[in-house]
Amino acid sequence: MGLWVVLDAKAGKEEDVAQFLLSGRAIVQDEPATIAWYAVRLNKTQFAIFDTFPNEAGRSAHLAGKVAAALMAKAPELLDHAPTISKIDIMATK
């Protein structure tokens, strides 16, 4: 199971979003059910987070965790609009 979260930075806040995402790595290290967590830059103003979990309980714990809380707290300051959060099912991996 996974999440795909798209973040659109406000004009002039692009590097703040990048730094926020870099700092998120340390927080998810403490989440045993987060198998993988990726923060990516899609273009100058758009970023995304892709993460994976063994089950729905792990995904729910992550959504209720510290990174999600920090993101929602910072969203009005950093983002053009609320993050787009998609729950996804992983079909295949290597």
PDB file of N, CA and C in Angstrom:
ATOM      1  N   MET A   1       0.845  -1.168   0.000  1.00  0.00           N
ATOM      2  CA  MET A   1       0.000   0.000   0.000  1.00  0.00           C
ATOM      3  C   MET A   1       0.895   1.236   0.000  1.00  0.00           C
ATOM      4  N   GLY A   2       0.360   2.310  -0.515  1.00  0.00           N
ATOM      5  CA  GLY A   2       1.186   3.506  -0.563  1.00  0.00           C
ATOM      6  C   GLY A   2       0.381   4.783  -0.518  1.00  0.00           C
ATOM      7  N   LEU A   3       1.119   5.870  -0.599  1.00  0.00           N
ATOM      8  CA  LEU A   3       0.556   7.210  -0.710  1.00  0.00           C
ATOM      9  C   LEU A   3       1.314   7.964  -1.789  1.00  0.00           C
ATOM     10  N   TRP A   4       0.616   8.771  -2.547  1.00  0.00           N
ATOM     11  CA  TRP A   4       1.205   9.695  -3.503  1.00  0.00           C
ATOM     12  C   TRP A   4       0.636  11.055  -3.135  1.00  0.00           C
ATOM     13  N   VAL A   5       1.496  11.955  -2.681  1.00  0.00           N
ATOM     14  CA  VAL A   5       1.086  13.271  -2.186  1.00  0.00           C
ATOM     15  C   VAL A   5       1.744  14.335  -3.054  1.00  0.00           C
ATOM     16  N   VAL A   6       0.926  15.169  -3.680  1.00  0.00           N
ATOM     17  CA  VAL A   6       1.440  16.233  -4.545  1.00  0.00           C
ATOM     18  C   VAL A   6       1.324  17.568  -3.808  1.00  0.00           C
ATOM     19  N   LEU A   7       2.421  18.319  -3.843  1.00  0.00           N
ATOM     20  CA  LEU A   7       2.521  19.605  -3.148  1.00  0.00           C
ATOM     21  C   LEU A   7       2.866  20.694  -4.155  1.00  0.00           C
ATOM     22  N   ASP A   8       2.049  21.717  -4.241  1.00  0.00           N
ATOM     23  CA  ASP A   8       2.314  22.858  -5.112  1.00  0.00           C
ATOM     24  C   ASP A   8       2.742  24.037  -4.256  1.00  0.00           C
ATOM     25  N   ALA A   9       4.004  24.428  -4.386  1.00  0.00           N
ATOM     26  CA  ALA A   9       4.557  25.516  -3.578  1.00  0.00           C
ATOM     27  C   ALA A   9       3.995  26.868  -3.998  1.00  0.00           C
ATOM     28  N   LYS A  10       3.818  27.732  -3.014  1.00  0.00           N
ATOM     29  CA  LYS A  10       3.487  29.122  -3.308  1.00  0.00           C
ATOM     30  C   LYS A  10       4.678  29.764  -3.992  1.00  0.00           C
ATOM     31  N   ALA A  11       4.421  30.769  -4.796  1.00  0.00           N
ATOM     32  CA  ALA A  11       5.495  31.508  -5.456  1.00  0.00           C
ATOM     33  C   ALA A  11       6.444  32.056  -4.399  1.00  0.00           C
ATOM     34  N   GLY A  12       7.725  31.805  -4.591  1.00  0.00           N
ATOM     35  CA  GLY A  12       8.742  32.267  -3.666  1.00  0.00           C
ATOM     36  C   GLY A  12       8.986  31.333  -2.490  1.00  0.00           C
ATOM     37  N   LYS A  13       8.198  30.283  -2.351  1.00  0.00           N
ATOM     38  CA  LYS A  13       8.337  29.347  -1.231  1.00  0.00           C
ATOM     39  C   LYS A  13       8.899  27.992  -1.661  1.00  0.00           C
ATOM     40  N   GLU A  14       9.348  27.893  -2.901  1.00  0.00           N
ATOM     41  CA  GLU A  14       9.814  26.621  -3.441  1.00  0.00           C
ATOM     42  C   GLU A  14      10.942  26.010  -2.618  1.00  0.00           C
ATOM     43  N   GLU A  15      11.928  26.801  -2.270  1.00  0.00           N
ATOM     44  CA  GLU A  15      13.068  26.258  -1.517  1.00  0.00           C
ATOM     45  C   GLU A  15      12.683  25.939  -0.072  1.00  0.00           C
ATOM     46  N   ASP A  16      11.709  26.658   0.465  1.00  0.00           N
ATOM     47  CA  ASP A  16      11.203  26.337   1.806  1.00  0.00           C
ATOM     48  C   ASP A  16      10.511  24.975   1.801  1.00  0.00           C
ATOM     49  N   VAL A  17       9.751  24.698   0.741  1.00  0.00           N
ATOM     50  CA  VAL A  17       9.109  23.382   0.621  1.00  0.00           C
ATOM     51  C   VAL A  17      10.179  22.305   0.493  1.00  0.00           C
ATOM     52  N   ALA A  18      11.196  22.554  -0.321  1.00  0.00           N
ATOM     53  CA  ALA A  18      12.280  21.581  -0.482  1.00  0.00           C
ATOM     54  C   ALA A  18      12.953  21.292   0.858  1.00  0.00           C
ATOM     55  N   GLN A  19      13.239  22.321   1.617  1.00  0.00           N
ATOM     56  CA  GLN A  19      13.883  22.132   2.920  1.00  0.00           C
ATOM     57  C   GLN A  19      12.959  21.403   3.901  1.00  0.00           C
ATOM     58  N   PHE A  20      11.679  21.723   3.860  1.00  0.00           N
ATOM     59  CA  PHE A  20      10.726  21.024   4.714  1.00  0.00           C
ATOM     60  C   PHE A  20      10.733  19.530   4.400  1.00  0.00           C
ATOM     61  N   LEU A  21      10.724  19.190   3.124  1.00  0.00           N
ATOM     62  CA  LEU A  21      10.723  17.780   2.737  1.00  0.00           C
ATOM     63  C   LEU A  21      12.018  17.087   3.159  1.00  0.00           C
ATOM     64  N   LEU A  22      13.131  17.762   3.010  1.00  0.00           N
ATOM     65  CA  LEU A  22      14.402  17.172   3.447  1.00  0.00           C
ATOM     66  C   LEU A  22      14.380  16.895   4.947  1.00  0.00           C
ATOM     67  N   SER A  23      13.779  17.767   5.713  1.00  0.00           N
ATOM     68  CA  SER A  23      13.720  17.564   7.161  1.00  0.00           C
ATOM     69  C   SER A  23      12.755  16.445   7.543  1.00  0.00           C
ATOM     70  N   GLY A  24      11.806  16.125   6.677  1.00  0.00           N
ATOM     71  CA  GLY A  24      10.839  15.068   6.956  1.00  0.00           C
ATOM     72  C   GLY A  24      11.457  13.688   7.046  1.00  0.00           C
ATOM     73  N   ARG A  25      12.569  13.486   6.373  1.00  0.00           N
ATOM     74  CA  ARG A  25      13.230  12.177   6.376  1.00  0.00           C
ATOM     75  C   ARG A  25      13.550  11.717   7.799  1.00  0.00           C
ATOM     76  N   ALA A  26      14.055  12.605   8.609  1.00  0.00           N
ATOM     77  CA  ALA A  26      14.420  12.242   9.980  1.00  0.00           C
ATOM     78  C   ALA A  26      13.206  11.807  10.787  1.00  0.00           C
ATOM     79  N   ILE A  27      12.070  12.419  10.522  1.00  0.00           N
ATOM     80  CA  ILE A  27      10.860  12.083  11.275  1.00  0.00           C
ATOM     81  C   ILE A  27      10.349  10.698  10.896  1.00  0.00           C
ATOM     82  N   VAL A  28      10.331  10.381   9.607  1.00  0.00           N
ATOM     83  CA  VAL A  28       9.790   9.078   9.202  1.00  0.00           C
ATOM     84  C   VAL A  28      10.716   7.923   9.567  1.00  0.00           C
ATOM     85  N   GLN A  29      11.951   8.217   9.908  1.00  0.00           N
ATOM     86  CA  GLN A  29      12.856   7.164  10.372  1.00  0.00           C
ATOM     87  C   GLN A  29      12.291   6.471  11.612  1.00  0.00           C
ATOM     88  N   ASP A  30      11.485   7.172  12.387  1.00  0.00           N
ATOM     89  CA  ASP A  30      10.901   6.624  13.610  1.00  0.00           C
ATOM     90  C   ASP A  30       9.571   5.909  13.382  1.00  0.00           C
ATOM     91  N   GLU A  31       9.178   5.743  12.122  1.00  0.00           N
ATOM     92  CA  GLU A  31       7.922   5.065  11.813  1.00  0.00           C
ATOM     93  C   GLU A  31       8.227   3.658  11.307  1.00  0.00           C
ATOM     94  N   PRO A  32       8.103   2.643  12.152  1.00  0.00           N
ATOM     95  CA  PRO A  32       8.468   1.287  11.741  1.00  0.00           C
ATOM     96  C   PRO A  32       7.644   0.740  10.581  1.00  0.00           C
ATOM     97  N   ALA A  33       6.409   1.221  10.413  1.00  0.00           N
ATOM     98  CA  ALA A  33       5.561   0.695   9.345  1.00  0.00           C
ATOM     99  C   ALA A  33       5.725   1.449   8.024  1.00  0.00           C
ATOM    100  N   THR A  34       6.574   2.474   8.002  1.00  0.00           N
ATOM    101  CA  THR A  34       6.861   3.149   6.738  1.00  0.00           C
ATOM    102  C   THR A  34       8.044   2.429   6.105  1.00  0.00           C
ATOM    103  N   ILE A  35       7.758   1.635   5.078  1.00  0.00           N
ATOM    104  CA  ILE A  35       8.796   0.830   4.432  1.00  0.00           C
ATOM    105  C   ILE A  35       9.741   1.709   3.635  1.00  0.00           C
ATOM    106  N   ALA A  36       9.167   2.578   2.829  1.00  0.00           N
ATOM    107  CA  ALA A  36       9.971   3.485   1.996  1.00  0.00           C
ATOM    108  C   ALA A  36       9.294   4.843   1.974  1.00  0.00           C
ATOM    109  N   TRP A  37      10.099   5.890   1.913  1.00  0.00           N
ATOM    110  CA  TRP A  37       9.591   7.268   1.878  1.00  0.00           C
ATOM    111  C   TRP A  37      10.478   8.060   0.931  1.00  0.00           C
ATOM    112  N   TYR A  38       9.876   8.629  -0.085  1.00  0.00           N
ATOM    113  CA  TYR A  38      10.620   9.417  -1.077  1.00  0.00           C
ATOM    114  C   TYR A  38      10.016  10.812  -1.165  1.00  0.00           C
ATOM    115  N   ALA A  39      10.849  11.816  -1.134  1.00  0.00           N
ATOM    116  CA  ALA A  39      10.439  13.181  -1.413  1.00  0.00           C
ATOM    117  C   ALA A  39      11.075  13.541  -2.752  1.00  0.00           C
ATOM    118  N   VAL A  40      10.267  14.016  -3.693  1.00  0.00           N
ATOM    119  CA  VAL A  40      10.770  14.303  -5.035  1.00  0.00           C
ATOM    120  C   VAL A  40      10.331  15.691  -5.488  1.00  0.00           C
ATOM    121  N   ARG A  41      11.138  16.233  -6.371  1.00  0.00           N
ATOM    122  CA  ARG A  41      10.790  17.508  -6.998  1.00  0.00           C
ATOM    123  C   ARG A  41      10.370  17.196  -8.418  1.00  0.00           C
ATOM    124  N   LEU A  42       9.144  17.574  -8.766  1.00  0.00           N
ATOM    125  CA  LEU A  42       8.625  17.293 -10.098  1.00  0.00           C
ATOM    126  C   LEU A  42       8.985  18.394 -11.096  1.00  0.00           C
ATOM    127  N   ASN A  43       9.011  19.613 -10.629  1.00  0.00           N
ATOM    128  CA  ASN A  43       9.443  20.764 -11.436  1.00  0.00           C
ATOM    129  C   ASN A  43       9.750  21.907 -10.472  1.00  0.00           C
ATOM    130  N   LYS A  44       9.879  23.119 -10.969  1.00  0.00           N
ATOM    131  CA  LYS A  44      10.303  24.226 -10.108  1.00  0.00           C
ATOM    132  C   LYS A  44       9.380  24.434  -8.896  1.00  0.00           C
ATOM    133  N   THR A  45       8.075  24.272  -9.090  1.00  0.00           N
ATOM    134  CA  THR A  45       7.124  24.596  -8.024  1.00  0.00           C
ATOM    135  C   THR A  45       6.371  23.402  -7.467  1.00  0.00           C
ATOM    136  N   GLN A  46       6.525  22.245  -8.081  1.00  0.00           N
ATOM    137  CA  GLN A  46       5.734  21.085  -7.665  1.00  0.00           C
ATOM    138  C   GLN A  46       6.625  19.974  -7.107  1.00  0.00           C
ATOM    139  N   PHE A  47       6.180  19.447  -5.981  1.00  0.00           N
ATOM    140  CA  PHE A  47       6.898  18.394  -5.273  1.00  0.00           C
ATOM    141  C   PHE A  47       5.933  17.243  -5.023  1.00  0.00           C
ATOM    142  N   ALA A  48       6.484  16.105  -4.624  1.00  0.00           N
ATOM    143  CA  ALA A  48       5.628  14.973  -4.283  1.00  0.00           C
ATOM    144  C   ALA A  48       6.315  14.125  -3.222  1.00  0.00           C
ATOM    145  N   ILE A  49       5.497  13.372  -2.522  1.00  0.00           N
ATOM    146  CA  ILE A  49       5.978  12.377  -1.567  1.00  0.00           C
ATOM    147  C   ILE A  49       5.366  11.042  -2.007  1.00  0.00           C
ATOM    148  N   PHE A  50       6.203  10.031  -2.065  1.00  0.00           N
ATOM    149  CA  PHE A  50       5.744   8.668  -2.350  1.00  0.00           C
ATOM    150  C   PHE A  50       6.233   7.801  -1.210  1.00  0.00           C
ATOM    151  N   ASP A  51       5.321   7.110  -0.562  1.00  0.00           N
ATOM    152  CA  ASP A  51       5.732   6.228   0.515  1.00  0.00           C
ATOM    153  C   ASP A  51       4.934   4.931   0.479  1.00  0.00           C
ATOM    154  N   THR A  52       5.526   3.894   1.092  1.00  0.00           N
ATOM    155  CA  THR A  52       4.913   2.572   1.061  1.00  0.00           C
ATOM    156  C   THR A  52       4.817   1.984   2.464  1.00  0.00           C
ATOM    157  N   PHE A  53       3.829   1.088   2.611  1.00  0.00           N
ATOM    158  CA  PHE A  53       3.497   0.502   3.902  1.00  0.00           C
ATOM    159  C   PHE A  53       3.098  -0.960   3.704  1.00  0.00           C
ATOM    160  N   PRO A  54       3.250  -1.785   4.738  1.00  0.00           N
ATOM    161  CA  PRO A  54       2.901  -3.196   4.594  1.00  0.00           C
ATOM    162  C   PRO A  54       1.392  -3.449   4.607  1.00  0.00           C
ATOM    163  N   ASN A  55       0.624  -2.498   5.178  1.00  0.00           N
ATOM    164  CA  ASN A  55      -0.813  -2.703   5.328  1.00  0.00           C
ATOM    165  C   ASN A  55      -1.508  -1.365   5.614  1.00  0.00           C
ATOM    166  N   GLU A  56      -2.824  -1.434   5.711  1.00  0.00           N
ATOM    167  CA  GLU A  56      -3.606  -0.215   5.955  1.00  0.00           C
ATOM    168  C   GLU A  56      -3.304   0.388   7.321  1.00  0.00           C
ATOM    169  N   ALA A  57      -3.019  -0.437   8.308  1.00  0.00           N
ATOM    170  CA  ALA A  57      -2.699   0.077   9.645  1.00  0.00           C
ATOM    171  C   ALA A  57      -1.448   0.951   9.596  1.00  0.00           C
ATOM    172  N   GLY A  58      -0.437   0.522   8.843  1.00  0.00           N
ATOM    173  CA  GLY A  58       0.787   1.311   8.707  1.00  0.00           C
ATOM    174  C   GLY A  58       0.543   2.619   7.990  1.00  0.00           C
ATOM    175  N   ARG A  59      -0.259   2.562   6.936  1.00  0.00           N
ATOM    176  CA  ARG A  59      -0.572   3.782   6.180  1.00  0.00           C
ATOM    177  C   ARG A  59      -1.364   4.751   7.053  1.00  0.00           C
ATOM    178  N   SER A  60      -2.330   4.230   7.789  1.00  0.00           N
ATOM    179  CA  SER A  60      -3.132   5.080   8.671  1.00  0.00           C
ATOM    180  C   SER A  60      -2.281   5.702   9.776  1.00  0.00           C
ATOM    181  N   ALA A  61      -1.360   4.915  10.318  1.00  0.00           N
ATOM    182  CA  ALA A  61      -0.465   5.440  11.358  1.00  0.00           C
ATOM    183  C   ALA A  61       0.384   6.577  10.806  1.00  0.00           C
ATOM    184  N   HIS A  62       0.857   6.427   9.584  1.00  0.00           N
ATOM    185  CA  HIS A  62       1.660   7.486   8.964  1.00  0.00           C
ATOM    186  C   HIS A  62       0.819   8.752   8.771  1.00  0.00           C
ATOM    187  N   LEU A  63      -0.394   8.586   8.279  1.00  0.00           N
ATOM    188  CA  LEU A  63      -1.261   9.752   8.055  1.00  0.00           C
ATOM    189  C   LEU A  63      -1.620  10.458   9.361  1.00  0.00           C
ATOM    190  N   ALA A  64      -1.572   9.735  10.457  1.00  0.00           N
ATOM    191  CA  ALA A  64      -1.853  10.326  11.769  1.00  0.00           C
ATOM    192  C   ALA A  64      -0.573  10.728  12.499  1.00  0.00           C
ATOM    193  N   GLY A  65       0.575  10.586  11.840  1.00  0.00           N
ATOM    194  CA  GLY A  65       1.867  10.799  12.481  1.00  0.00           C
ATOM    195  C   GLY A  65       2.399  12.215  12.403  1.00  0.00           C
ATOM    196  N   LYS A  66       3.651  12.345  12.813  1.00  0.00           N
ATOM    197  CA  LYS A  66       4.301  13.649  12.945  1.00  0.00           C
ATOM    198  C   LYS A  66       4.530  14.362  11.625  1.00  0.00           C
ATOM    199  N   VAL A  67       4.924  13.634  10.573  1.00  0.00           N
ATOM    200  CA  VAL A  67       5.178  14.292   9.285  1.00  0.00           C
ATOM    201  C   VAL A  67       3.887  14.874   8.724  1.00  0.00           C
ATOM    202  N   ALA A  68       2.819  14.088   8.765  1.00  0.00           N
ATOM    203  CA  ALA A  68       1.539  14.577   8.255  1.00  0.00           C
ATOM    204  C   ALA A  68       1.067  15.796   9.050  1.00  0.00           C
ATOM    205  N   ALA A  69       1.216  15.748  10.360  1.00  0.00           N
ATOM    206  CA  ALA A  69       0.811  16.883  11.195  1.00  0.00           C
ATOM    207  C   ALA A  69       1.640  18.125  10.869  1.00  0.00           C
ATOM    208  N   ALA A  70       2.935  17.939  10.698  1.00  0.00           N
ATOM    209  CA  ALA A  70       3.807  19.072  10.361  1.00  0.00           C
ATOM    210  C   ALA A  70       3.452  19.641   8.994  1.00  0.00           C
ATOM    211  N   LEU A  71       3.168  18.756   8.043  1.00  0.00           N
ATOM    212  CA  LEU A  71       2.807  19.210   6.697  1.00  0.00           C
ATOM    213  C   LEU A  71       1.525  20.024   6.735  1.00  0.00           C
ATOM    214  N   MET A  72       0.525  19.536   7.432  1.00  0.00           N
ATOM    215  CA  MET A  72      -0.735  20.267   7.487  1.00  0.00           C
ATOM    216  C   MET A  72      -0.589  21.599   8.218  1.00  0.00           C
ATOM    217  N   ALA A  73       0.287  21.649   9.216  1.00  0.00           N
ATOM    218  CA  ALA A  73       0.525  22.901   9.935  1.00  0.00           C
ATOM    219  C   ALA A  73       1.222  23.935   9.048  1.00  0.00           C
ATOM    220  N   LYS A  74       2.142  23.474   8.194  1.00  0.00           N
ATOM    221  CA  LYS A  74       2.910  24.375   7.342  1.00  0.00           C
ATOM    222  C   LYS A  74       2.227  24.674   6.003  1.00  0.00           C
ATOM    223  N   ALA A  75       1.231  23.869   5.631  1.00  0.00           N
ATOM    224  CA  ALA A  75       0.600  24.000   4.321  1.00  0.00           C
ATOM    225  C   ALA A  75       0.117  25.424   4.000  1.00  0.00           C
ATOM    226  N   PRO A  76      -0.596  26.095   4.892  1.00  0.00           N
ATOM    227  CA  PRO A  76      -1.065  27.445   4.546  1.00  0.00           C
ATOM    228  C   PRO A  76       0.067  28.426   4.239  1.00  0.00           C
ATOM    229  N   GLU A  77       1.188  28.251   4.899  1.00  0.00           N
ATOM    230  CA  GLU A  77       2.337  29.140   4.702  1.00  0.00           C
ATOM    231  C   GLU A  77       3.096  28.810   3.420  1.00  0.00           C
ATOM    232  N   LEU A  78       3.246  27.514   3.121  1.00  0.00           N
ATOM    233  CA  LEU A  78       4.142  27.082   2.041  1.00  0.00           C
ATOM    234  C   LEU A  78       3.457  26.704   0.735  1.00  0.00           C
ATOM    235  N   LEU A  79       2.211  26.258   0.811  1.00  0.00           N
ATOM    236  CA  LEU A  79       1.576  25.665  -0.366  1.00  0.00           C
ATOM    237  C   LEU A  79       0.479  26.538  -0.953  1.00  0.00           C
ATOM    238  N   ASP A  80       0.329  26.429  -2.262  1.00  0.00           N
ATOM    239  CA  ASP A  80      -0.693  27.158  -3.005  1.00  0.00           C
ATOM    240  C   ASP A  80      -2.099  26.704  -2.619  1.00  0.00           C
ATOM    241  N   HIS A  81      -2.220  25.431  -2.272  1.00  0.00           N
ATOM    242  CA  HIS A  81      -3.490  24.843  -1.844  1.00  0.00           C
ATOM    243  C   HIS A  81      -3.172  23.584  -1.042  1.00  0.00           C
ATOM    244  N   ALA A  82      -4.175  22.991  -0.462  1.00  0.00           N
ATOM    245  CA  ALA A  82      -3.958  21.787   0.347  1.00  0.00           C
ATOM    246  C   ALA A  82      -3.297  20.692  -0.491  1.00  0.00           C
ATOM    247  N   PRO A  83      -2.452  19.883   0.123  1.00  0.00           N
ATOM    248  CA  PRO A  83      -1.818  18.789  -0.612  1.00  0.00           C
ATOM    249  C   PRO A  83      -2.876  17.834  -1.181  1.00  0.00           C
ATOM    250  N   THR A  84      -2.577  17.281  -2.337  1.00  0.00           N
ATOM    251  CA  THR A  84      -3.430  16.252  -2.922  1.00  0.00           C
ATOM    252  C   THR A  84      -2.895  14.908  -2.449  1.00  0.00           C
ATOM    253  N   ILE A  85      -3.673  14.205  -1.639  1.00  0.00           N
ATOM    254  CA  ILE A  85      -3.237  12.941  -1.052  1.00  0.00           C
ATOM    255  C   ILE A  85      -4.030  11.803  -1.691  1.00  0.00           C
ATOM    256  N   SER A  86      -3.301  10.905  -2.360  1.00  0.00           N
ATOM    257  CA  SER A  86      -3.938   9.755  -3.003  1.00  0.00           C
ATOM    258  C   SER A  86      -3.462   8.475  -2.335  1.00  0.00           C
ATOM    259  N   LYS A  87      -4.415   7.663  -1.891  1.00  0.00           N
ATOM    260  CA  LYS A  87      -4.082   6.338  -1.385  1.00  0.00           C
ATOM    261  C   LYS A  87      -3.959   5.426  -2.601  1.00  0.00           C
ATOM    262  N   ILE A  88      -2.846   4.748  -2.695  1.00  0.00           N
ATOM    263  CA  ILE A  88      -2.585   3.896  -3.858  1.00  0.00           C
ATOM    264  C   ILE A  88      -2.279   2.476  -3.418  1.00  0.00           C
ATOM    265  N   ASP A  89      -2.496   1.542  -4.312  1.00  0.00           N
ATOM    266  CA  ASP A  89      -2.130   0.148  -4.077  1.00  0.00           C
ATOM    267  C   ASP A  89      -0.944  -0.191  -4.960  1.00  0.00           C
ATOM    268  N   ILE A  90       0.103  -0.717  -4.363  1.00  0.00           N
ATOM    269  CA  ILE A  90       1.301  -1.114  -5.104  1.00  0.00           C
ATOM    270  C   ILE A  90       0.985  -2.430  -5.802  1.00  0.00           C
ATOM    271  N   MET A  91       1.135  -2.464  -7.100  1.00  0.00           N
ATOM    272  CA  MET A  91       0.826  -3.677  -7.858  1.00  0.00           C
ATOM    273  C   MET A  91       2.046  -4.558  -8.072  1.00  0.00           C
ATOM    274  N   ALA A  92       3.221  -3.945  -8.193  1.00  0.00           N
ATOM    275  CA  ALA A  92       4.432  -4.729  -8.427  1.00  0.00           C
ATOM    276  C   ALA A  92       5.631  -3.909  -7.965  1.00  0.00           C
ATOM    277  N   THR A  93       6.648  -4.591  -7.507  1.00  0.00           N
ATOM    278  CA  THR A  93       7.892  -3.929  -7.094  1.00  0.00           C
ATOM    279  C   THR A  93       9.069  -4.763  -7.550  1.00  0.00           C
ATOM    280  N   LYS A  94      10.211  -4.172  -7.492  1.00  0.00           N
ATOM    281  CA  LYS A  94      11.455  -4.896  -7.781  1.00  0.00           C
ATOM    282  C   LYS A  94      12.416  -4.635  -6.664  1.00  0.00           C
TER     283      LYS A  94
END
